Structure formats: C-alpha cells, structure tokens
Amino acid sequence: MTTRFGNVPIEPSDVLRFEQGLIGMEMCREWVLLADDSNSALAWLQSLDRPEVALAVVSPRRFVRDYQVRISSRDIAPLGPEASKALQVLAILNRHQDTLTLNLKAPIVINLSTNRGRQVVAKNDHEVQYVLGATIPMRRSA
C-alpha cells in the first residue's frame, strides 16, 4: 500500500535492494521501480519501507545526450559480479521553484541482473540541479 499509487501488487522479483539506502534516506533499503502511466520518460522509485516516499526518476541520457558518469569499481562492487555489464543509470527528478531539475551528480545505479542498487557520487563535474529545458508532467500527490 503506497500513499501516491494506492495498493500496488509487487512480485518478490521486482524488489530492488539498496544495502546503504539512498542519500538522506539510509533506512529505506527496499524499493520497486514503477512505470508512469501518463509519461513514458518518467518512472517512480517507490520505497517499500516508507509508503509515502516515491521519487521521480528518468534516464539522464534522454535529456542530456552526452551524459556520462564516472564511478569507481569500488562503488559498483556491492552491486554484484560483473555489475558493469547490466547497469541502469537513473537520475532523480525534482521540482525546484517553477522548473524541473535532474540530480546528475548523484545518480542511482541498478544492476538489473541482481536487483541491487546504489546511489553514487559521480567523479565527473556534474550539477546537482541541472535545469531541464522542457517540462515533464508530474502527477501531484494526493
């Protein structure tokens, strides 16, 4: 049962495990990725530990074509063997005043073969609040 989406059936194989949680949400360790019904560019990272927490996420390359993230092998080692071959990189989307921003500095990295995830701090000189030129409609909380 979630605050934003109501009752969502989840299979155990859908659960993403973040051993260290996310920055500022270290106690939230189990998440599920939900598609947005009205916008194919947008997904929601829904906490299973706190039903009121859902983060809007997008593929950063969809909006920043030359986006590359440099992270150490030590940062992705907890994601499982051969993690670099099955990684999905997502950026958290935020509303900042009247604009939408992406956190390109601290992306979420998920190993799709092990369902383990981690938020990392990129070694690149990326912005924490990269302002998007086009708007993405986001569902308002109930």
N, C-alpha and C. Protein backbone atom coordinates (compact mmCIF):
# COMPACT_ATOMS: atom_id res chain seq x y z
N MET A 1 0.85 -1.18 0.00
CA MET A 1 0.00 0.00 0.00
C MET A 1 0.90 1.24 0.00
N THR A 2 0.70 2.10 -1.00
CA THR A 2 1.50 3.32 -1.11
C THR A 2 0.60 4.54 -0.97
N THR A 3 1.19 5.63 -0.60
CA THR A 3 0.45 6.88 -0.47
C THR A 3 0.08 7.44 -1.84
N ARG A 4 1.01 7.41 -2.78
CA ARG A 4 0.82 8.01 -4.10
C ARG A 4 0.02 7.14 -5.05
N PHE A 5 0.25 5.84 -5.03
CA PHE A 5 -0.32 4.95 -6.04
C PHE A 5 -1.37 3.99 -5.50
N GLY A 6 -1.64 4.03 -4.22
CA GLY A 6 -2.59 3.10 -3.63
C GLY A 6 -1.97 1.72 -3.48
N ASN A 7 -2.79 0.69 -3.60
CA ASN A 7 -2.32 -0.68 -3.47
C ASN A 7 -1.68 -1.13 -4.78
N VAL A 8 -0.41 -1.49 -4.73
CA VAL A 8 0.33 -1.92 -5.92
C VAL A 8 0.82 -3.35 -5.70
N PRO A 9 0.35 -4.29 -6.52
CA PRO A 9 0.85 -5.66 -6.38
C PRO A 9 2.31 -5.73 -6.84
N ILE A 10 3.13 -6.34 -6.01
CA ILE A 10 4.56 -6.42 -6.31
C ILE A 10 5.03 -7.86 -6.14
N GLU A 11 5.75 -8.32 -7.12
CA GLU A 11 6.36 -9.65 -7.05
C GLU A 11 7.70 -9.54 -6.33
N PRO A 12 8.10 -10.55 -5.59
CA PRO A 12 9.41 -10.51 -4.92
C PRO A 12 10.56 -10.23 -5.89
N SER A 13 10.42 -10.69 -7.12
CA SER A 13 11.48 -10.48 -8.12
C SER A 13 11.57 -9.02 -8.58
N ASP A 14 10.56 -8.19 -8.24
CA ASP A 14 10.56 -6.77 -8.61
C ASP A 14 11.30 -5.90 -7.59
N VAL A 15 11.59 -6.45 -6.42
CA VAL A 15 12.17 -5.66 -5.34
C VAL A 15 13.64 -5.37 -5.61
N LEU A 16 13.98 -4.09 -5.50
CA LEU A 16 15.36 -3.63 -5.64
C LEU A 16 15.92 -3.40 -4.25
N ARG A 17 17.08 -3.92 -3.99
CA ARG A 17 17.70 -3.81 -2.66
C ARG A 17 18.86 -2.81 -2.71
N PHE A 18 18.77 -1.79 -1.85
CA PHE A 18 19.82 -0.78 -1.70
C PHE A 18 20.40 -0.97 -0.29
N GLU A 19 21.52 -1.66 -0.19
CA GLU A 19 22.09 -2.01 1.12
C GLU A 19 22.38 -0.78 1.97
N GLN A 20 22.74 0.34 1.36
CA GLN A 20 23.07 1.56 2.10
C GLN A 20 21.94 2.59 2.04
N GLY A 21 20.82 2.22 1.48
CA GLY A 21 19.74 3.19 1.29
C GLY A 21 20.16 4.23 0.26
N LEU A 22 19.46 5.35 0.25
CA LEU A 22 19.81 6.47 -0.62
C LEU A 22 20.31 7.61 0.26
N ILE A 23 20.98 8.56 -0.33
CA ILE A 23 21.50 9.70 0.42
C ILE A 23 20.33 10.42 1.10
N GLY A 24 20.40 10.53 2.41
CA GLY A 24 19.33 11.16 3.17
C GLY A 24 18.20 10.23 3.54
N MET A 25 18.20 9.03 2.97
CA MET A 25 17.16 8.04 3.26
C MET A 25 17.82 6.67 3.47
N GLU A 26 18.79 6.65 4.35
CA GLU A 26 19.59 5.44 4.56
C GLU A 26 18.77 4.26 5.09
N MET A 27 17.65 4.53 5.76
CA MET A 27 16.83 3.45 6.31
C MET A 27 15.89 2.84 5.26
N CYS A 28 15.74 3.47 4.13
CA CYS A 28 14.91 2.92 3.04
C CYS A 28 15.79 2.04 2.18
N ARG A 29 15.64 0.75 2.35
CA ARG A 29 16.54 -0.17 1.65
C ARG A 29 15.87 -1.02 0.58
N GLU A 30 14.56 -1.11 0.61
CA GLU A 30 13.85 -1.88 -0.40
C GLU A 30 12.95 -0.96 -1.20
N TRP A 31 13.07 -1.06 -2.53
CA TRP A 31 12.37 -0.17 -3.46
C TRP A 31 11.82 -1.00 -4.60
N VAL A 32 10.92 -0.41 -5.34
CA VAL A 32 10.42 -1.00 -6.57
C VAL A 32 10.32 0.13 -7.60
N LEU A 33 10.61 -0.19 -8.84
CA LEU A 33 10.54 0.79 -9.92
C LEU A 33 9.20 0.63 -10.63
N LEU A 34 8.41 1.72 -10.64
CA LEU A 34 7.08 1.70 -11.25
C LEU A 34 7.05 2.61 -12.47
N ALA A 35 6.47 2.13 -13.54
CA ALA A 35 6.31 2.96 -14.74
C ALA A 35 5.24 4.01 -14.47
N ASP A 36 5.37 5.15 -15.13
CA ASP A 36 4.36 6.19 -15.04
C ASP A 36 3.37 5.97 -16.19
N ASP A 37 2.09 5.89 -15.86
CA ASP A 37 1.07 5.60 -16.88
C ASP A 37 0.92 6.69 -17.92
N SER A 38 1.21 7.94 -17.56
CA SER A 38 0.96 9.04 -18.47
C SER A 38 2.20 9.59 -19.16
N ASN A 39 3.39 9.11 -18.77
CA ASN A 39 4.62 9.64 -19.36
C ASN A 39 5.67 8.55 -19.42
N SER A 40 6.00 8.11 -20.63
CA SER A 40 6.96 7.00 -20.79
C SER A 40 8.39 7.38 -20.42
N ALA A 41 8.68 8.67 -20.32
CA ALA A 41 10.04 9.11 -19.93
C ALA A 41 10.25 9.05 -18.42
N LEU A 42 9.16 8.92 -17.70
CA LEU A 42 9.20 9.03 -16.25
C LEU A 42 8.89 7.70 -15.58
N ALA A 43 9.60 7.43 -14.49
CA ALA A 43 9.31 6.26 -13.66
C ALA A 43 9.34 6.72 -12.20
N TRP A 44 8.90 5.87 -11.33
CA TRP A 44 8.86 6.19 -9.90
C TRP A 44 9.60 5.12 -9.12
N LEU A 45 10.52 5.54 -8.30
CA LEU A 45 11.22 4.65 -7.40
C LEU A 45 10.45 4.72 -6.08
N GLN A 46 9.66 3.69 -5.81
CA GLN A 46 8.77 3.65 -4.66
C GLN A 46 9.42 2.88 -3.53
N SER A 47 9.50 3.51 -2.37
CA SER A 47 10.06 2.84 -1.19
C SER A 47 9.06 1.83 -0.66
N LEU A 48 9.54 0.65 -0.32
CA LEU A 48 8.71 -0.35 0.33
C LEU A 48 8.79 -0.19 1.85
N ASP A 49 9.81 0.50 2.32
CA ASP A 49 9.98 0.73 3.74
C ASP A 49 9.15 1.91 4.24
N ARG A 50 8.93 2.89 3.37
CA ARG A 50 8.14 4.07 3.71
C ARG A 50 7.17 4.33 2.57
N PRO A 51 5.92 3.92 2.71
CA PRO A 51 4.95 4.01 1.61
C PRO A 51 4.67 5.43 1.13
N GLU A 52 5.03 6.44 1.90
CA GLU A 52 4.82 7.82 1.48
C GLU A 52 5.96 8.37 0.63
N VAL A 53 7.01 7.58 0.42
CA VAL A 53 8.17 8.05 -0.34
C VAL A 53 8.21 7.42 -1.72
N ALA A 54 8.10 8.26 -2.74
CA ALA A 54 8.25 7.84 -4.14
C ALA A 54 9.04 8.93 -4.84
N LEU A 55 10.12 8.55 -5.49
CA LEU A 55 10.99 9.50 -6.18
C LEU A 55 10.78 9.39 -7.69
N ALA A 56 10.60 10.53 -8.34
CA ALA A 56 10.52 10.55 -9.80
C ALA A 56 11.93 10.35 -10.35
N VAL A 57 12.09 9.43 -11.29
CA VAL A 57 13.40 9.15 -11.88
C VAL A 57 13.28 9.07 -13.40
N VAL A 58 14.37 9.41 -14.07
CA VAL A 58 14.44 9.34 -15.53
C VAL A 58 15.82 8.84 -15.93
N SER A 59 15.92 8.40 -17.16
CA SER A 59 17.22 8.10 -17.73
C SER A 59 17.87 9.43 -18.08
N PRO A 60 19.01 9.77 -17.49
CA PRO A 60 19.60 11.08 -17.74
C PRO A 60 19.98 11.30 -19.21
N ARG A 61 20.33 10.25 -19.90
CA ARG A 61 20.73 10.40 -21.31
C ARG A 61 19.57 10.81 -22.20
N ARG A 62 18.37 10.62 -21.75
CA ARG A 62 17.20 11.04 -22.53
C ARG A 62 17.12 12.57 -22.61
N PHE A 63 17.70 13.24 -21.62
CA PHE A 63 17.63 14.70 -21.54
C PHE A 63 18.99 15.37 -21.68
N VAL A 64 20.05 14.64 -21.40
CA VAL A 64 21.42 15.16 -21.52
C VAL A 64 22.17 14.13 -22.35
N ARG A 65 22.13 14.31 -23.65
CA ARG A 65 22.63 13.29 -24.60
C ARG A 65 24.07 12.84 -24.34
N ASP A 66 24.94 13.76 -23.93
CA ASP A 66 26.34 13.40 -23.73
C ASP A 66 26.66 13.05 -22.27
N TYR A 67 25.63 12.78 -21.48
CA TYR A 67 25.83 12.45 -20.07
C TYR A 67 26.60 11.15 -19.93
N GLN A 68 27.66 11.23 -19.18
CA GLN A 68 28.44 10.04 -18.82
C GLN A 68 28.76 10.16 -17.35
N VAL A 69 28.78 9.04 -16.69
CA VAL A 69 29.06 9.05 -15.27
C VAL A 69 30.31 8.21 -15.00
N ARG A 70 31.24 8.83 -14.32
CA ARG A 70 32.47 8.12 -13.92
C ARG A 70 32.34 7.72 -12.46
N ILE A 71 32.36 6.41 -12.24
CA ILE A 71 32.31 5.91 -10.87
C ILE A 71 33.37 4.83 -10.72
N SER A 72 33.85 4.66 -9.52
CA SER A 72 34.92 3.69 -9.30
C SER A 72 34.35 2.27 -9.25
N SER A 73 35.20 1.32 -9.53
CA SER A 73 34.77 -0.08 -9.46
C SER A 73 34.42 -0.44 -8.02
N ARG A 74 35.03 0.24 -7.06
CA ARG A 74 34.72 0.02 -5.65
C ARG A 74 33.26 0.43 -5.36
N ASP A 75 32.78 1.48 -6.05
CA ASP A 75 31.41 1.94 -5.84
C ASP A 75 30.37 0.96 -6.38
N ILE A 76 30.70 0.26 -7.44
CA ILE A 76 29.71 -0.67 -8.01
C ILE A 76 29.94 -2.12 -7.59
N ALA A 77 31.04 -2.42 -6.92
CA ALA A 77 31.31 -3.79 -6.47
C ALA A 77 30.17 -4.39 -5.65
N PRO A 78 29.53 -3.62 -4.73
CA PRO A 78 28.43 -4.21 -3.96
C PRO A 78 27.20 -4.60 -4.79
N LEU A 79 27.16 -4.19 -6.04
CA LEU A 79 26.01 -4.49 -6.88
C LEU A 79 26.06 -5.90 -7.46
N GLY A 80 27.18 -6.58 -7.29
CA GLY A 80 27.27 -7.97 -7.73
C GLY A 80 28.34 -8.17 -8.78
N PRO A 81 28.62 -9.44 -9.06
CA PRO A 81 29.65 -9.77 -10.05
C PRO A 81 29.28 -9.24 -11.43
N GLU A 82 30.29 -8.78 -12.11
CA GLU A 82 30.12 -8.24 -13.46
C GLU A 82 29.04 -7.16 -13.51
N ALA A 83 28.99 -6.35 -12.48
CA ALA A 83 27.95 -5.32 -12.38
C ALA A 83 27.99 -4.34 -13.54
N SER A 84 29.17 -4.04 -14.04
CA SER A 84 29.27 -3.03 -15.09
C SER A 84 28.58 -3.44 -16.39
N LYS A 85 28.24 -4.72 -16.55
CA LYS A 85 27.62 -5.17 -17.80
C LYS A 85 26.10 -5.03 -17.82
N ALA A 86 25.47 -4.88 -16.66
CA ALA A 86 23.99 -4.86 -16.61
C ALA A 86 23.48 -3.67 -15.80
N LEU A 87 24.12 -2.52 -15.94
CA LEU A 87 23.75 -1.37 -15.12
C LEU A 87 22.73 -0.47 -15.80
N GLN A 88 21.79 -0.01 -15.01
CA GLN A 88 20.83 1.02 -15.42
C GLN A 88 21.14 2.24 -14.57
N VAL A 89 21.34 3.39 -15.21
CA VAL A 89 21.62 4.63 -14.50
C VAL A 89 20.39 5.52 -14.57
N LEU A 90 19.95 6.00 -13.42
CA LEU A 90 18.78 6.87 -13.32
C LEU A 90 19.14 8.13 -12.57
N ALA A 91 18.47 9.22 -12.92
CA ALA A 91 18.65 10.48 -12.21
C ALA A 91 17.35 10.85 -11.53
N ILE A 92 17.46 11.38 -10.32
CA ILE A 92 16.28 11.80 -9.59
C ILE A 92 15.82 13.14 -10.15
N LEU A 93 14.53 13.23 -10.40
CA LEU A 93 13.91 14.43 -10.94
C LEU A 93 13.26 15.18 -9.79
N ASN A 94 13.55 16.48 -9.70
CA ASN A 94 12.99 17.31 -8.63
C ASN A 94 12.31 18.53 -9.22
N ARG A 95 11.37 19.04 -8.47
CA ARG A 95 10.74 20.31 -8.81
C ARG A 95 11.49 21.35 -7.99
N HIS A 96 12.06 22.34 -8.65
CA HIS A 96 12.78 23.42 -7.97
C HIS A 96 12.18 24.74 -8.44
N GLN A 97 11.45 25.37 -7.55
CA GLN A 97 10.67 26.57 -7.89
C GLN A 97 9.73 26.22 -9.04
N ASP A 98 9.82 26.89 -10.18
CA ASP A 98 8.92 26.61 -11.30
C ASP A 98 9.57 25.75 -12.38
N THR A 99 10.70 25.12 -12.07
CA THR A 99 11.39 24.31 -13.06
C THR A 99 11.58 22.89 -12.55
N LEU A 100 11.96 22.02 -13.46
CA LEU A 100 12.31 20.66 -13.10
C LEU A 100 13.82 20.52 -13.23
N THR A 101 14.42 19.83 -12.27
CA THR A 101 15.86 19.64 -12.29
C THR A 101 16.19 18.16 -12.16
N LEU A 102 17.37 17.80 -12.67
CA LEU A 102 17.90 16.45 -12.53
C LEU A 102 19.13 16.51 -11.64
N ASN A 103 19.26 15.53 -10.77
CA ASN A 103 20.47 15.40 -9.97
C ASN A 103 21.43 14.51 -10.78
N LEU A 104 22.32 15.15 -11.51
CA LEU A 104 23.29 14.41 -12.33
C LEU A 104 24.54 14.03 -11.54
N LYS A 105 24.74 14.67 -10.41
CA LYS A 105 25.94 14.43 -9.59
C LYS A 105 25.83 13.12 -8.81
N ALA A 106 24.62 12.76 -8.38
CA ALA A 106 24.45 11.57 -7.55
C ALA A 106 23.39 10.64 -8.17
N PRO A 107 23.73 9.99 -9.28
CA PRO A 107 22.76 9.10 -9.93
C PRO A 107 22.51 7.83 -9.13
N ILE A 108 21.42 7.18 -9.47
CA ILE A 108 21.10 5.87 -8.91
C ILE A 108 21.53 4.84 -9.94
N VAL A 109 22.27 3.85 -9.48
CA VAL A 109 22.78 2.81 -10.36
C VAL A 109 22.19 1.48 -9.90
N ILE A 110 21.58 0.77 -10.84
CA ILE A 110 20.93 -0.50 -10.52
C ILE A 110 21.51 -1.60 -11.40
N ASN A 111 21.89 -2.70 -10.78
CA ASN A 111 22.31 -3.89 -11.51
C ASN A 111 21.04 -4.68 -11.81
N LEU A 112 20.64 -4.70 -13.06
CA LEU A 112 19.39 -5.34 -13.46
C LEU A 112 19.41 -6.86 -13.30
N SER A 113 20.59 -7.46 -13.26
CA SER A 113 20.64 -8.92 -13.12
C SER A 113 20.58 -9.37 -11.66
N THR A 114 20.96 -8.50 -10.72
CA THR A 114 20.92 -8.89 -9.30
C THR A 114 19.87 -8.11 -8.50
N ASN A 115 19.26 -7.10 -9.12
CA ASN A 115 18.28 -6.22 -8.45
C ASN A 115 18.88 -5.51 -7.24
N ARG A 116 20.15 -5.21 -7.33
CA ARG A 116 20.81 -4.43 -6.29
C ARG A 116 21.06 -3.03 -6.83
N GLY A 117 20.88 -2.05 -5.97
CA GLY A 117 21.08 -0.67 -6.39
C GLY A 117 21.92 0.10 -5.40
N ARG A 118 22.36 1.25 -5.88
CA ARG A 118 23.19 2.12 -5.05
C ARG A 118 23.15 3.52 -5.62
N GLN A 119 23.09 4.51 -4.75
CA GLN A 119 23.25 5.89 -5.21
C GLN A 119 24.72 6.22 -5.05
N VAL A 120 25.32 6.73 -6.11
CA VAL A 120 26.75 7.03 -6.09
C VAL A 120 26.97 8.51 -6.35
N VAL A 121 28.12 9.00 -5.93
CA VAL A 121 28.51 10.37 -6.24
C VAL A 121 29.51 10.28 -7.38
N ALA A 122 29.14 10.84 -8.52
CA ALA A 122 29.97 10.77 -9.73
C ALA A 122 31.25 11.57 -9.55
N LYS A 123 32.31 11.08 -10.14
CA LYS A 123 33.58 11.80 -10.12
C LYS A 123 33.58 12.95 -11.12
N ASN A 124 32.66 12.89 -12.07
CA ASN A 124 32.53 13.96 -13.07
C ASN A 124 32.07 15.25 -12.40
N ASP A 125 32.26 16.34 -13.10
CA ASP A 125 31.83 17.64 -12.60
C ASP A 125 30.40 17.90 -13.07
N HIS A 126 29.44 17.15 -12.53
CA HIS A 126 28.04 17.28 -12.92
C HIS A 126 27.29 18.14 -11.90
N GLU A 127 26.16 18.68 -12.35
CA GLU A 127 25.35 19.52 -11.48
C GLU A 127 24.40 18.68 -10.62
N VAL A 128 24.14 19.18 -9.43
CA VAL A 128 23.15 18.56 -8.55
C VAL A 128 21.75 18.99 -8.99
N GLN A 129 21.65 20.19 -9.54
CA GLN A 129 20.36 20.69 -10.02
C GLN A 129 20.49 21.17 -11.46
N TYR A 130 20.54 20.21 -12.38
CA TYR A 130 20.59 20.51 -13.80
C TYR A 130 19.18 20.86 -14.25
N VAL A 131 18.98 22.08 -14.71
CA VAL A 131 17.64 22.54 -15.10
C VAL A 131 17.27 21.98 -16.47
N LEU A 132 16.10 21.36 -16.53
CA LEU A 132 15.62 20.82 -17.79
C LEU A 132 14.98 21.92 -18.62
N GLY A 133 15.22 21.89 -19.92
CA GLY A 133 14.64 22.89 -20.81
C GLY A 133 13.17 22.63 -21.08
N ALA A 134 12.81 21.37 -21.21
CA ALA A 134 11.40 21.01 -21.45
C ALA A 134 10.81 20.48 -20.15
N THR A 135 9.55 20.68 -20.00
CA THR A 135 8.91 20.21 -18.78
C THR A 135 8.39 18.80 -18.96
N ILE A 136 8.34 18.08 -17.86
CA ILE A 136 7.81 16.73 -17.83
C ILE A 136 6.65 16.77 -16.86
N PRO A 137 5.43 16.46 -17.30
CA PRO A 137 4.31 16.50 -16.38
C PRO A 137 4.51 15.46 -15.27
N MET A 138 4.33 15.91 -14.04
CA MET A 138 4.45 15.01 -12.90
C MET A 138 3.13 14.98 -12.16
N ARG A 139 2.69 13.81 -11.81
CA ARG A 139 1.47 13.63 -11.05
C ARG A 139 1.63 14.26 -9.68
N ARG A 140 0.68 15.05 -9.27
CA ARG A 140 0.73 15.69 -7.95
C ARG A 140 0.30 14.68 -6.87
N SER A 141 0.87 14.85 -5.69
CA SER A 141 0.50 13.99 -4.56
C SER A 141 -0.95 14.23 -4.18
N ALA A 142 -1.57 13.19 -3.72
CA ALA A 142 -2.96 13.29 -3.27
C ALA A 142 -3.04 13.93 -1.90
